[in-house]
Amino acid sequence: MADKIYRGDRTIDGAEVTVDGEPLDPKTDVENYCDLGYEWTYVGDASRQLAFAILLDHLGDAAAAKNLTEGFTEHVIANLNNEWSMSTQDIVAALSEIS
């Protein structure tokens, strides 16, 4: 598995999340927690959408991503700073702690 880098930042245009420099697809067509964009630093629907999108991109399995979304939201997404970055290895480490 190639190591990817996920980054989030709050800009004048709002919250932006990328994977390897490209916008991260919110995957609302697969699971729609919130269609108003991503958020982080708290537990809520926009944070769940971010967690799901990262997990689905990372795992490639919608059922597994959905199953892990709540724990990933609470333990990872809710604790991110305004500007953040996370690698594939960071996700693997986080999942090993919450699953």
Protein backbone atom coordinates (compact mmCIF):
# COMPACT_ATOMS: atom_id res chain seq x y z
CA MET A 1 0.00 0.00 0.00
CA ALA A 2 1.45 3.35 -1.05
CA ASP A 3 1.74 5.92 1.70
CA LYS A 4 -0.72 8.78 1.20
CA ILE A 5 -0.74 12.13 2.95
CA TYR A 6 -4.05 13.65 4.04
CA ARG A 7 -4.05 17.36 4.92
CA GLY A 8 -6.66 19.68 6.33
CA ASP A 9 -6.61 23.45 6.61
CA ARG A 10 -9.03 26.24 7.36
CA THR A 11 -8.76 28.92 4.69
CA ILE A 12 -10.66 32.07 3.85
CA ASP A 13 -12.77 29.85 1.57
CA GLY A 14 -13.57 27.37 4.35
CA ALA A 15 -12.26 23.98 5.41
CA GLU A 16 -10.20 22.18 2.77
CA VAL A 17 -9.01 18.57 2.84
CA THR A 18 -6.65 16.98 0.34
CA VAL A 19 -5.09 13.59 -0.23
CA ASP A 20 -1.69 13.76 -1.93
CA GLY A 21 -2.44 17.36 -2.92
CA GLU A 22 -5.81 16.65 -4.57
CA PRO A 23 -9.22 17.39 -3.01
CA LEU A 24 -10.52 14.45 -0.97
CA ASP A 25 -13.82 13.15 -2.37
CA PRO A 26 -16.39 13.37 0.47
CA LYS A 27 -17.99 10.09 -0.67
CA THR A 28 -21.50 11.41 0.08
CA ASP A 29 -22.76 9.20 -2.75
CA VAL A 30 -21.74 6.17 -0.64
CA GLU A 31 -22.65 7.42 2.86
CA ASN A 32 -24.10 10.85 3.55
CA TYR A 33 -23.58 12.09 7.10
CA CYS A 34 -23.35 15.71 5.92
CA ASP A 35 -23.29 17.28 2.47
CA LEU A 36 -22.16 20.70 3.72
CA GLY A 37 -18.44 19.93 3.71
CA TYR A 38 -15.92 18.68 6.20
CA GLU A 39 -15.22 19.72 9.76
CA TRP A 40 -12.94 18.55 12.55
CA THR A 41 -12.02 19.38 16.19
CA TYR A 42 -15.38 18.05 17.45
CA VAL A 43 -17.77 15.12 17.04
CA GLY A 44 -20.56 15.94 14.60
CA ASP A 45 -21.98 15.04 11.20
CA ALA A 46 -19.39 17.00 9.17
CA SER A 47 -16.63 15.36 11.23
CA ARG A 48 -18.16 11.93 10.56
CA GLN A 49 -18.20 12.69 6.83
CA LEU A 50 -14.48 13.49 6.97
CA ALA A 51 -13.75 10.32 8.95
CA PHE A 52 -15.76 8.21 6.50
CA ALA A 53 -14.11 9.78 3.43
CA ILE A 54 -10.60 9.23 4.81
CA LEU A 55 -11.38 5.66 5.88
CA LEU A 56 -13.03 4.75 2.57
CA ASP A 57 -10.09 6.21 0.64
CA HIS A 58 -7.66 4.35 2.91
CA LEU A 59 -9.47 0.99 3.19
CA GLY A 60 -11.31 0.83 -0.15
CA ASP A 61 -14.19 -0.93 1.66
CA ALA A 62 -17.38 1.04 2.37
CA ALA A 63 -18.74 -1.40 4.98
CA ALA A 64 -15.48 -1.41 6.94
CA ALA A 65 -15.19 2.38 6.68
CA LYS A 66 -18.74 2.85 7.96
CA ASN A 67 -18.11 0.41 10.82
CA LEU A 68 -15.01 2.36 11.93
CA THR A 69 -16.33 5.89 11.33
CA GLU A 70 -17.67 6.61 14.82
CA GLY A 71 -14.51 5.50 16.65
CA PHE A 72 -12.24 7.28 14.16
CA THR A 73 -14.32 10.45 14.50
CA GLU A 74 -14.14 10.40 18.30
CA HIS A 75 -10.48 9.41 18.67
CA VAL A 76 -8.86 11.09 15.67
CA ILE A 77 -10.98 13.66 13.82
CA ALA A 78 -12.32 15.39 16.95
CA ASN A 79 -8.75 15.85 18.21
CA LEU A 80 -7.21 17.40 15.08
CA ASN A 81 -5.88 20.96 15.11
CA ASN A 82 -7.11 23.64 12.69
CA GLU A 83 -4.27 22.69 10.33
CA TRP A 84 -3.27 19.03 10.23
CA SER A 85 -1.66 16.28 8.24
CA MET A 86 -1.88 12.52 8.58
CA SER A 87 -0.16 9.72 6.70
CA THR A 88 -1.33 6.25 5.86
CA GLN A 89 0.83 5.00 8.72
CA ASP A 90 -0.90 7.42 11.13
CA ILE A 91 -4.25 5.95 10.09
CA VAL A 92 -3.02 2.39 10.54
CA ALA A 93 -1.73 3.25 14.02
CA ALA A 94 -5.00 4.97 15.00
CA LEU A 95 -7.11 2.06 13.75
CA SER A 96 -5.02 -0.42 15.72
CA GLU A 97 -5.85 1.55 18.88
CA ILE A 98 -9.60 1.89 18.28
CA SER A 99 -10.52 -1.46 16.73
